[in-house]
């Protein structure tokens, strides 16, 4: 896809870290480049698990040469050990982007859901369904971590501003307008 933006989306996790690469054209159409999940053994020491996650992300950075990395922003959860693992994997992703000279951005789950589905509280199936539709996939991306990584990549690419007139008023799709409205409301 000529002059497309290549985005690596990362859904950070210590056991399963979703990675997805998409090319997004100026008209906001998107093509799947790569999708996968980097897994680490839950019984391994933390430093080995982080090294496994880092090696997997590093391989995607080298193999697919993204222009930008989009990482899910860590948010408060009730399970402290889960948020710690997510934060550690997120830090690894952001560090690797910097080491490879690739700009990085973070997006909250509700920002991503609003950008992809038009609804900031969409469930996993709704996100998977819209990702499959946008990327013209024959099946839903599995597991959910992989779909979330693709959704992050799409969200980031679409948030870059107005595109060609085919997207409607203000150059935004309905989902992008919903996201922008949700983001403005959250800042109040």
N, C-alpha and C. Protein backbone atom coordinates (compact mmCIF):
# COMPACT_ATOMS: atom_id res chain seq x y z
N UNK A 1 0.86 -1.18 0.00
CA UNK A 1 0.00 0.00 0.00
C UNK A 1 0.90 1.23 0.00
N UNK A 2 1.00 1.90 -1.14
CA UNK A 2 1.88 3.06 -1.27
C UNK A 2 1.44 4.19 -0.35
N UNK A 3 2.43 4.85 0.24
CA UNK A 3 2.24 5.97 1.16
C UNK A 3 1.31 5.67 2.33
N UNK A 4 1.18 4.42 2.68
CA UNK A 4 0.37 4.04 3.83
C UNK A 4 1.17 4.24 5.11
N UNK A 5 0.45 4.48 6.18
CA UNK A 5 1.06 4.53 7.50
C UNK A 5 1.06 3.11 8.05
N UNK A 6 2.22 2.62 8.44
CA UNK A 6 2.32 1.28 9.03
C UNK A 6 2.36 1.44 10.55
N UNK A 7 1.38 0.85 11.22
CA UNK A 7 1.27 0.98 12.67
C UNK A 7 1.35 -0.39 13.32
N UNK A 8 2.20 -0.49 14.34
CA UNK A 8 2.27 -1.69 15.18
C UNK A 8 1.46 -1.41 16.43
N UNK A 9 0.38 -2.15 16.62
CA UNK A 9 -0.42 -2.05 17.83
C UNK A 9 0.01 -3.12 18.81
N UNK A 10 0.10 -2.75 20.08
CA UNK A 10 0.52 -3.70 21.11
C UNK A 10 -0.48 -3.67 22.26
N UNK A 11 -1.08 -4.83 22.52
CA UNK A 11 -1.96 -5.01 23.67
C UNK A 11 -1.11 -5.68 24.74
N UNK A 12 -0.52 -4.90 25.66
CA UNK A 12 0.48 -5.45 26.57
C UNK A 12 -0.11 -6.42 27.59
N UNK A 13 0.63 -7.46 27.81
CA UNK A 13 0.28 -8.44 28.81
C UNK A 13 1.50 -9.28 29.11
N UNK A 14 1.55 -9.81 30.28
CA UNK A 14 2.72 -10.60 30.67
C UNK A 14 2.62 -12.05 30.21
N UNK A 15 1.42 -12.59 30.20
CA UNK A 15 1.22 -13.97 29.72
C UNK A 15 0.96 -13.98 28.23
N UNK A 16 0.11 -13.06 27.77
CA UNK A 16 -0.21 -12.92 26.34
C UNK A 16 -0.11 -11.45 25.97
N UNK A 17 0.77 -11.14 25.03
CA UNK A 17 0.95 -9.78 24.55
C UNK A 17 0.56 -9.76 23.08
N UNK A 18 -0.57 -9.12 22.77
CA UNK A 18 -1.04 -9.06 21.40
C UNK A 18 -0.23 -8.08 20.58
N UNK A 19 0.11 -8.48 19.35
CA UNK A 19 0.82 -7.61 18.42
C UNK A 19 0.10 -7.64 17.08
N UNK A 20 -0.11 -6.48 16.50
CA UNK A 20 -0.78 -6.41 15.21
C UNK A 20 -0.23 -5.27 14.39
N UNK A 21 0.05 -5.53 13.13
CA UNK A 21 0.58 -4.51 12.23
C UNK A 21 -0.40 -4.31 11.10
N UNK A 22 -0.75 -3.04 10.85
CA UNK A 22 -1.65 -2.69 9.75
C UNK A 22 -1.05 -1.56 8.94
N UNK A 23 -1.37 -1.55 7.66
CA UNK A 23 -1.07 -0.42 6.79
C UNK A 23 -2.39 0.32 6.60
N UNK A 24 -2.37 1.64 6.84
CA UNK A 24 -3.59 2.44 6.72
C UNK A 24 -3.33 3.56 5.71
N UNK A 25 -4.16 3.59 4.68
CA UNK A 25 -4.04 4.59 3.61
C UNK A 25 -4.65 5.92 4.05
N UNK A 26 -4.41 6.95 3.25
CA UNK A 26 -4.97 8.28 3.55
C UNK A 26 -6.49 8.27 3.61
N UNK A 27 -7.12 7.37 2.86
CA UNK A 27 -8.58 7.30 2.89
C UNK A 27 -9.08 6.45 4.06
N UNK A 28 -8.18 6.07 4.95
CA UNK A 28 -8.44 5.31 6.17
C UNK A 28 -8.75 3.84 5.92
N UNK A 29 -8.60 3.39 4.69
CA UNK A 29 -8.74 1.96 4.44
C UNK A 29 -7.49 1.28 5.00
N UNK A 30 -7.67 0.06 5.45
CA UNK A 30 -6.58 -0.62 6.14
C UNK A 30 -6.37 -2.03 5.60
N UNK A 31 -5.12 -2.48 5.71
CA UNK A 31 -4.74 -3.81 5.27
C UNK A 31 -3.95 -4.48 6.38
N UNK A 32 -4.28 -5.73 6.65
CA UNK A 32 -3.54 -6.51 7.64
C UNK A 32 -2.16 -6.85 7.11
N UNK A 33 -1.14 -6.62 7.93
CA UNK A 33 0.23 -6.98 7.60
C UNK A 33 0.67 -8.18 8.43
N UNK A 34 0.38 -8.13 9.74
CA UNK A 34 0.81 -9.19 10.66
C UNK A 34 -0.07 -9.15 11.91
N UNK A 35 -0.33 -10.30 12.45
CA UNK A 35 -1.02 -10.37 13.74
C UNK A 35 -0.52 -11.60 14.49
N UNK A 36 -0.39 -11.45 15.79
CA UNK A 36 0.06 -12.58 16.60
C UNK A 36 -0.01 -12.27 18.08
N UNK A 37 0.43 -13.23 18.85
CA UNK A 37 0.47 -13.08 20.30
C UNK A 37 1.82 -13.60 20.78
N UNK A 38 2.51 -12.79 21.57
CA UNK A 38 3.75 -13.21 22.20
C UNK A 38 3.36 -13.77 23.56
N UNK A 39 3.73 -15.02 23.81
CA UNK A 39 3.35 -15.68 25.07
C UNK A 39 4.57 -15.93 25.94
N UNK A 40 4.37 -15.78 27.25
CA UNK A 40 5.44 -16.14 28.19
C UNK A 40 4.86 -17.14 29.20
N UNK A 41 5.72 -17.97 29.69
CA UNK A 41 5.35 -19.02 30.64
C UNK A 41 5.06 -18.41 32.00
N UNK A 42 3.83 -18.58 32.48
CA UNK A 42 3.42 -18.01 33.76
C UNK A 42 4.27 -18.50 34.92
N UNK A 43 4.91 -19.66 34.78
CA UNK A 43 5.74 -20.20 35.86
C UNK A 43 7.18 -19.73 35.82
N UNK A 44 7.56 -19.01 34.79
CA UNK A 44 8.94 -18.56 34.65
C UNK A 44 9.18 -17.32 35.51
N UNK A 45 10.45 -17.08 35.89
CA UNK A 45 10.77 -15.87 36.64
C UNK A 45 10.41 -14.62 35.82
N UNK A 46 10.06 -13.55 36.51
CA UNK A 46 9.59 -12.33 35.85
C UNK A 46 10.58 -11.81 34.82
N UNK A 47 11.88 -11.87 35.14
CA UNK A 47 12.86 -11.33 34.19
C UNK A 47 12.89 -12.14 32.89
N UNK A 48 12.66 -13.44 32.98
CA UNK A 48 12.60 -14.28 31.78
C UNK A 48 11.33 -13.98 30.98
N UNK A 49 10.24 -13.77 31.70
CA UNK A 49 8.97 -13.46 31.02
C UNK A 49 9.08 -12.14 30.26
N UNK A 50 9.67 -11.14 30.89
CA UNK A 50 9.84 -9.84 30.24
C UNK A 50 10.79 -9.95 29.04
N UNK A 51 11.83 -10.76 29.17
CA UNK A 51 12.76 -10.98 28.06
C UNK A 51 12.05 -11.66 26.89
N UNK A 52 11.15 -12.59 27.19
CA UNK A 52 10.38 -13.26 26.14
C UNK A 52 9.48 -12.28 25.41
N UNK A 53 8.79 -11.44 26.17
CA UNK A 53 7.91 -10.43 25.57
C UNK A 53 8.75 -9.47 24.72
N UNK A 54 9.89 -9.04 25.26
CA UNK A 54 10.76 -8.12 24.53
C UNK A 54 11.24 -8.74 23.22
N UNK A 55 11.65 -10.00 23.25
CA UNK A 55 12.14 -10.66 22.03
C UNK A 55 11.04 -10.74 20.98
N UNK A 56 9.82 -11.01 21.39
CA UNK A 56 8.72 -11.10 20.45
C UNK A 56 8.39 -9.76 19.81
N UNK A 57 8.35 -8.71 20.62
CA UNK A 57 8.07 -7.37 20.10
C UNK A 57 9.22 -6.91 19.20
N UNK A 58 10.45 -7.17 19.64
CA UNK A 58 11.62 -6.78 18.85
C UNK A 58 11.57 -7.43 17.47
N UNK A 59 11.20 -8.69 17.41
CA UNK A 59 11.13 -9.40 16.12
C UNK A 59 10.10 -8.74 15.19
N UNK A 60 8.97 -8.33 15.74
CA UNK A 60 7.94 -7.67 14.92
C UNK A 60 8.46 -6.31 14.43
N UNK A 61 9.13 -5.57 15.29
CA UNK A 61 9.70 -4.28 14.90
C UNK A 61 10.70 -4.45 13.75
N UNK A 62 11.56 -5.44 13.86
CA UNK A 62 12.58 -5.68 12.83
C UNK A 62 11.95 -6.20 11.54
N UNK A 63 11.05 -7.16 11.65
CA UNK A 63 10.46 -7.79 10.47
C UNK A 63 9.52 -6.87 9.69
N UNK A 64 8.81 -5.98 10.39
CA UNK A 64 7.75 -5.22 9.72
C UNK A 64 7.99 -3.71 9.66
N UNK A 65 9.01 -3.20 10.32
CA UNK A 65 9.43 -1.80 10.21
C UNK A 65 8.26 -0.80 10.28
N UNK A 66 7.52 -0.79 11.40
CA UNK A 66 6.39 0.15 11.50
C UNK A 66 6.88 1.60 11.57
N UNK A 67 5.99 2.52 11.18
CA UNK A 67 6.28 3.94 11.28
C UNK A 67 6.00 4.47 12.68
N UNK A 68 5.11 3.79 13.39
CA UNK A 68 4.71 4.22 14.73
C UNK A 68 4.22 2.99 15.51
N UNK A 69 4.33 3.08 16.83
CA UNK A 69 3.86 2.02 17.72
C UNK A 69 2.74 2.60 18.59
N UNK A 70 1.64 1.86 18.69
CA UNK A 70 0.52 2.26 19.54
C UNK A 70 0.34 1.20 20.62
N UNK A 71 0.38 1.63 21.87
CA UNK A 71 0.32 0.71 23.01
C UNK A 71 -0.90 1.05 23.86
N UNK A 72 -1.57 0.01 24.34
CA UNK A 72 -2.71 0.27 25.23
C UNK A 72 -2.20 0.91 26.51
N UNK A 73 -2.82 2.02 26.89
CA UNK A 73 -2.47 2.72 28.11
C UNK A 73 -2.95 1.91 29.31
N UNK A 74 -2.07 1.72 30.26
CA UNK A 74 -2.41 0.97 31.46
C UNK A 74 -3.40 1.76 32.28
N UNK A 75 -4.43 1.09 32.76
CA UNK A 75 -5.43 1.75 33.56
C UNK A 75 -5.61 0.95 34.85
N UNK A 76 -6.23 1.57 35.84
CA UNK A 76 -6.42 0.92 37.14
C UNK A 76 -7.34 -0.28 37.01
N UNK A 77 -6.92 -1.36 37.61
CA UNK A 77 -7.73 -2.57 37.68
C UNK A 77 -7.78 -2.99 39.14
N UNK A 78 -8.73 -3.86 39.44
CA UNK A 78 -8.85 -4.33 40.82
C UNK A 78 -7.74 -5.31 41.17
N UNK A 79 -7.26 -6.06 40.20
CA UNK A 79 -6.24 -7.06 40.44
C UNK A 79 -4.86 -6.42 40.26
N UNK A 80 -4.19 -6.15 41.38
CA UNK A 80 -2.91 -5.46 41.35
C UNK A 80 -1.84 -6.22 40.57
N UNK A 81 -1.81 -7.55 40.67
CA UNK A 81 -0.78 -8.31 39.95
C UNK A 81 -1.01 -8.23 38.44
N UNK A 82 -2.26 -8.17 38.01
CA UNK A 82 -2.55 -8.05 36.58
C UNK A 82 -2.10 -6.70 36.06
N UNK A 83 -2.40 -5.63 36.79
CA UNK A 83 -2.00 -4.29 36.32
C UNK A 83 -0.48 -4.15 36.34
N UNK A 84 0.19 -4.79 37.27
CA UNK A 84 1.66 -4.73 37.31
C UNK A 84 2.26 -5.39 36.07
N UNK A 85 1.77 -6.57 35.74
CA UNK A 85 2.27 -7.27 34.56
C UNK A 85 2.00 -6.49 33.29
N UNK A 86 0.81 -5.90 33.20
CA UNK A 86 0.45 -5.09 32.04
C UNK A 86 1.36 -3.87 31.95
N UNK A 87 1.60 -3.22 33.08
CA UNK A 87 2.47 -2.04 33.09
C UNK A 87 3.90 -2.40 32.71
N UNK A 88 4.38 -3.54 33.19
CA UNK A 88 5.74 -3.96 32.84
C UNK A 88 5.86 -4.25 31.35
N UNK A 89 4.88 -4.96 30.78
CA UNK A 89 4.91 -5.26 29.35
C UNK A 89 4.77 -3.98 28.53
N UNK A 90 3.96 -3.04 29.00
CA UNK A 90 3.80 -1.75 28.33
C UNK A 90 5.12 -0.99 28.31
N UNK A 91 5.80 -0.99 29.43
CA UNK A 91 7.10 -0.32 29.52
C UNK A 91 8.11 -0.92 28.55
N UNK A 92 8.11 -2.24 28.43
CA UNK A 92 9.00 -2.93 27.49
C UNK A 92 8.68 -2.46 26.06
N UNK A 93 7.39 -2.42 25.72
CA UNK A 93 6.98 -2.02 24.36
C UNK A 93 7.43 -0.59 24.06
N UNK A 94 7.22 0.32 24.99
CA UNK A 94 7.60 1.71 24.78
C UNK A 94 9.12 1.87 24.68
N UNK A 95 9.85 1.14 25.51
CA UNK A 95 11.31 1.17 25.47
C UNK A 95 11.83 0.67 24.12
N UNK A 96 11.28 -0.43 23.63
CA UNK A 96 11.72 -0.98 22.36
C UNK A 96 11.41 -0.04 21.20
N UNK A 97 10.27 0.62 21.25
CA UNK A 97 9.95 1.60 20.21
C UNK A 97 11.03 2.68 20.20
N UNK A 98 11.38 3.20 21.37
CA UNK A 98 12.41 4.25 21.45
C UNK A 98 13.75 3.73 20.95
N UNK A 99 14.12 2.52 21.34
CA UNK A 99 15.40 1.95 20.90
C UNK A 99 15.46 1.79 19.38
N UNK A 100 14.32 1.56 18.75
CA UNK A 100 14.27 1.40 17.30
C UNK A 100 13.99 2.72 16.58
N UNK A 101 13.92 3.82 17.33
CA UNK A 101 13.69 5.13 16.74
C UNK A 101 12.30 5.31 16.17
N UNK A 102 11.34 4.58 16.72
CA UNK A 102 9.96 4.62 16.24
C UNK A 102 9.12 5.39 17.26
N UNK A 103 8.39 6.43 16.83
CA UNK A 103 7.53 7.14 17.78
C UNK A 103 6.47 6.20 18.35
N UNK A 104 6.06 6.50 19.56
CA UNK A 104 5.06 5.66 20.23
C UNK A 104 3.97 6.54 20.83
N UNK A 105 2.78 5.96 20.94
CA UNK A 105 1.64 6.63 21.55
C UNK A 105 0.88 5.61 22.37
N UNK A 106 0.14 6.10 23.34
CA UNK A 106 -0.71 5.21 24.14
C UNK A 106 -2.16 5.64 24.00
N UNK A 107 -3.04 4.65 24.08
CA UNK A 107 -4.48 4.89 23.97
C UNK A 107 -5.19 4.05 25.01
N UNK A 108 -6.22 4.63 25.63
CA UNK A 108 -6.99 3.88 26.63
C UNK A 108 -7.91 2.90 25.92
N UNK A 109 -8.33 1.85 26.63
CA UNK A 109 -9.27 0.91 26.03
C UNK A 109 -10.54 1.58 25.53
N UNK A 110 -11.07 2.55 26.28
CA UNK A 110 -12.31 3.19 25.83
C UNK A 110 -12.09 4.04 24.58
N UNK A 111 -10.93 4.67 24.43
CA UNK A 111 -10.60 5.40 23.21
C UNK A 111 -10.59 4.46 22.01
N UNK A 112 -9.97 3.32 22.19
CA UNK A 112 -9.86 2.34 21.11
C UNK A 112 -11.23 1.81 20.73
N UNK A 113 -12.01 1.44 21.73
CA UNK A 113 -13.36 0.91 21.45
C UNK A 113 -14.21 1.94 20.72
N UNK A 114 -14.14 3.19 21.16
CA UNK A 114 -14.93 4.24 20.51
C UNK A 114 -14.47 4.46 19.07
N UNK A 115 -13.16 4.42 18.84
CA UNK A 115 -12.64 4.62 17.48
C UNK A 115 -13.05 3.48 16.56
N UNK A 116 -13.07 2.27 17.06
CA UNK A 116 -13.34 1.10 16.22
C UNK A 116 -14.83 0.83 16.07
N UNK A 117 -15.59 0.96 17.16
CA UNK A 117 -17.01 0.58 17.11
C UNK A 117 -17.96 1.77 17.19
N UNK A 118 -17.44 2.92 17.61
CA UNK A 118 -18.31 4.07 17.83
C UNK A 118 -18.89 4.09 19.22
N UNK A 119 -18.50 3.12 20.07
CA UNK A 119 -19.04 2.99 21.42
C UNK A 119 -17.90 2.64 22.37
N UNK A 120 -17.62 3.53 23.32
CA UNK A 120 -16.49 3.37 24.22
C UNK A 120 -16.59 2.24 25.22
N UNK A 121 -17.77 1.64 25.35
CA UNK A 121 -17.94 0.51 26.28
C UNK A 121 -18.24 -0.79 25.52
N UNK A 122 -17.82 -0.85 24.25
CA UNK A 122 -18.07 -2.05 23.44
C UNK A 122 -17.42 -3.28 24.08
N UNK A 123 -18.01 -4.45 23.84
CA UNK A 123 -17.42 -5.67 24.38
C UNK A 123 -16.40 -6.24 23.38
N UNK A 124 -15.70 -7.28 23.83
CA UNK A 124 -14.63 -7.90 23.03
C UNK A 124 -15.15 -8.37 21.67
N UNK A 125 -16.32 -8.99 21.64
CA UNK A 125 -16.86 -9.51 20.39
C UNK A 125 -17.15 -8.37 19.40
N UNK A 126 -17.67 -7.25 19.90
CA UNK A 126 -17.94 -6.11 19.02
C UNK A 126 -16.64 -5.57 18.41
N UNK A 127 -15.59 -5.51 19.23
CA UNK A 127 -14.29 -5.03 18.74
C UNK A 127 -13.75 -6.00 17.69
N UNK A 128 -13.77 -7.29 18.01
CA UNK A 128 -13.28 -8.30 17.06
C UNK A 128 -14.04 -8.23 15.74
N UNK A 129 -15.35 -8.08 15.82
CA UNK A 129 -16.19 -8.04 14.63
C UNK A 129 -15.85 -6.84 13.76
N UNK A 130 -15.70 -5.67 14.37
CA UNK A 130 -15.37 -4.48 13.60
C UNK A 130 -13.96 -4.53 13.02
N UNK A 131 -13.03 -5.08 13.77
CA UNK A 131 -11.66 -5.22 13.25
C UNK A 131 -11.68 -6.13 12.02
N UNK A 132 -12.40 -7.25 12.12
CA UNK A 132 -12.51 -8.17 10.98
C UNK A 132 -13.15 -7.47 9.78
N UNK A 133 -14.16 -6.67 10.03
CA UNK A 133 -14.86 -5.98 8.94
C UNK A 133 -13.94 -4.93 8.29
N UNK A 134 -13.28 -4.13 9.11
CA UNK A 134 -12.40 -3.07 8.59
C UNK A 134 -11.25 -3.68 7.78
N UNK A 135 -10.69 -4.78 8.26
CA UNK A 135 -9.55 -5.39 7.58
C UNK A 135 -9.97 -6.43 6.53
N UNK A 136 -11.28 -6.58 6.36
CA UNK A 136 -11.82 -7.54 5.39
C UNK A 136 -11.28 -8.95 5.61
N UNK A 137 -11.36 -9.40 6.85
CA UNK A 137 -10.88 -10.73 7.22
C UNK A 137 -12.03 -11.73 7.11
N UNK A 138 -11.72 -12.96 6.78
CA UNK A 138 -12.73 -14.01 6.65
C UNK A 138 -13.21 -14.51 8.02
N UNK A 139 -12.38 -14.31 9.06
CA UNK A 139 -12.73 -14.78 10.40
C UNK A 139 -12.33 -13.72 11.42
N UNK A 140 -12.93 -13.80 12.59
CA UNK A 140 -12.58 -12.87 13.66
C UNK A 140 -11.14 -13.14 14.10
N UNK A 141 -10.36 -12.08 14.33
CA UNK A 141 -8.99 -12.30 14.82
C UNK A 141 -9.03 -12.92 16.21
N UNK A 142 -8.26 -13.95 16.41
CA UNK A 142 -8.21 -14.66 17.68
C UNK A 142 -6.77 -14.76 18.15
N UNK A 143 -6.49 -14.82 19.44
CA UNK A 143 -7.41 -14.53 20.53
C UNK A 143 -7.73 -13.04 20.63
N UNK A 144 -8.48 -12.67 21.63
CA UNK A 144 -8.90 -11.27 21.79
C UNK A 144 -7.70 -10.33 21.90
N UNK A 145 -6.58 -10.82 22.45
CA UNK A 145 -5.39 -9.97 22.58
C UNK A 145 -4.90 -9.53 21.20
N UNK A 146 -4.98 -10.43 20.22
CA UNK A 146 -4.57 -10.12 18.85
C UNK A 146 -5.52 -9.09 18.24
N UNK A 147 -6.81 -9.28 18.43
CA UNK A 147 -7.81 -8.32 17.92
C UNK A 147 -7.61 -6.95 18.57
N UNK A 148 -7.33 -6.94 19.85
CA UNK A 148 -7.11 -5.67 20.56
C UNK A 148 -5.88 -4.94 20.01
N UNK A 149 -4.83 -5.68 19.68
CA UNK A 149 -3.62 -5.07 19.11
C UNK A 149 -3.93 -4.43 17.76
N UNK A 150 -4.71 -5.13 16.93
CA UNK A 150 -5.11 -4.57 15.64
C UNK A 150 -5.98 -3.34 15.84
N UNK A 151 -6.90 -3.39 16.81
CA UNK A 151 -7.77 -2.25 17.10
C UNK A 151 -6.94 -1.04 17.54
N UNK A 152 -5.92 -1.27 18.35
CA UNK A 152 -5.04 -0.18 18.78
C UNK A 152 -4.35 0.47 17.58
N UNK A 153 -3.86 -0.36 16.67
CA UNK A 153 -3.19 0.16 15.49
C UNK A 153 -4.15 0.99 14.63
N UNK A 154 -5.35 0.48 14.42
CA UNK A 154 -6.34 1.21 13.64
C UNK A 154 -6.73 2.52 14.31
N UNK A 155 -6.97 2.45 15.61
CA UNK A 155 -7.34 3.64 16.37
C UNK A 155 -6.27 4.72 16.20
N UNK A 156 -5.03 4.35 16.36
CA UNK A 156 -3.96 5.34 16.24
C UNK A 156 -3.92 5.96 14.85
N UNK A 157 -4.00 5.13 13.83
CA UNK A 157 -3.94 5.64 12.46
C UNK A 157 -5.11 6.57 12.18
N UNK A 158 -6.28 6.22 12.65
CA UNK A 158 -7.47 7.02 12.38
C UNK A 158 -7.49 8.32 13.16
N UNK A 159 -6.80 8.38 14.28
CA UNK A 159 -6.78 9.58 15.12
C UNK A 159 -5.86 10.65 14.57
N UNK A 160 -5.12 10.37 13.52
CA UNK A 160 -4.12 11.30 13.00
C UNK A 160 -4.73 12.52 12.33
N UNK A 161 -6.04 12.61 12.22
CA UNK A 161 -6.65 13.81 11.66
C UNK A 161 -7.50 13.51 10.44
N UNK A 162 -8.05 14.55 9.84
CA UNK A 162 -8.96 14.39 8.71
C UNK A 162 -8.28 13.71 7.52
N UNK A 163 -9.08 12.98 6.79
CA UNK A 163 -8.59 12.31 5.59
C UNK A 163 -9.36 12.85 4.40
N UNK A 164 -9.48 12.07 3.38
CA UNK A 164 -10.16 12.52 2.17
C UNK A 164 -11.66 12.65 2.42
N UNK A 165 -12.33 13.36 1.53
CA UNK A 165 -13.75 13.70 1.71
C UNK A 165 -14.68 12.50 1.76
N UNK A 166 -14.23 11.32 1.34
CA UNK A 166 -15.12 10.15 1.34
C UNK A 166 -15.52 9.72 2.74
N UNK A 167 -14.86 10.25 3.74
CA UNK A 167 -15.20 9.84 5.10
C UNK A 167 -16.32 10.66 5.70
N UNK A 168 -16.75 11.71 5.02
CA UNK A 168 -17.89 12.47 5.53
C UNK A 168 -17.48 13.78 6.16
N UNK A 169 -18.40 14.32 6.98
CA UNK A 169 -18.21 15.64 7.59
C UNK A 169 -16.93 15.69 8.40
N UNK A 170 -16.12 16.69 8.14
CA UNK A 170 -14.90 16.88 8.90
C UNK A 170 -13.85 15.84 8.61
N UNK A 171 -14.03 14.99 7.59
CA UNK A 171 -13.04 14.00 7.24
C UNK A 171 -12.99 12.84 8.21
N UNK A 172 -14.00 12.66 9.04
CA UNK A 172 -13.99 11.60 10.05
C UNK A 172 -15.13 10.62 9.79
N UNK A 173 -14.86 9.37 10.14
CA UNK A 173 -15.90 8.36 10.07
C UNK A 173 -16.83 8.55 11.26
N UNK A 174 -18.03 7.94 11.25
CA UNK A 174 -18.90 8.04 12.42
C UNK A 174 -18.22 7.55 13.70
N UNK A 175 -17.45 6.48 13.60
CA UNK A 175 -16.74 5.96 14.79
C UNK A 175 -15.71 6.96 15.29
N UNK A 176 -15.02 7.62 14.36
CA UNK A 176 -14.03 8.61 14.76
C UNK A 176 -14.69 9.83 15.40
N UNK A 177 -15.83 10.25 14.87
CA UNK A 177 -16.56 11.37 15.49
C UNK A 177 -17.00 10.99 16.90
N UNK A 178 -17.49 9.76 17.07
CA UNK A 178 -17.91 9.30 18.41
C UNK A 178 -16.73 9.30 19.36
N UNK A 179 -15.57 8.84 18.87
CA UNK A 179 -14.38 8.84 19.72
C UNK A 179 -14.02 10.26 20.12
N UNK A 180 -13.99 11.17 19.16
CA UNK A 180 -13.62 12.56 19.44
C UNK A 180 -14.57 13.17 20.46
N UNK A 181 -15.88 12.90 20.31
CA UNK A 181 -16.86 13.39 21.28
C UNK A 181 -16.61 12.81 22.66
N UNK A 182 -16.30 11.51 22.72
CA UNK A 182 -16.03 10.85 24.01
C UNK A 182 -14.78 11.41 24.65
N UNK A 183 -13.76 11.67 23.85
CA UNK A 183 -12.53 12.23 24.40
C UNK A 183 -12.76 13.64 24.95
N UNK A 184 -13.52 14.45 24.21
CA UNK A 184 -13.82 15.81 24.71
C UNK A 184 -14.60 15.74 26.03
N UNK A 185 -15.57 14.84 26.11
CA UNK A 185 -16.37 14.70 27.33
C UNK A 185 -15.50 14.23 28.50
N UNK A 186 -14.53 13.37 28.25
CA UNK A 186 -13.67 12.86 29.31
C UNK A 186 -12.76 13.93 29.87
N UNK A 187 -12.43 14.93 29.07
CA UNK A 187 -11.54 16.02 29.51
C UNK A 187 -12.24 17.03 30.41
N UNK A 188 -13.57 17.02 30.41
CA UNK A 188 -14.33 18.01 31.18
C UNK A 188 -14.27 17.73 32.65
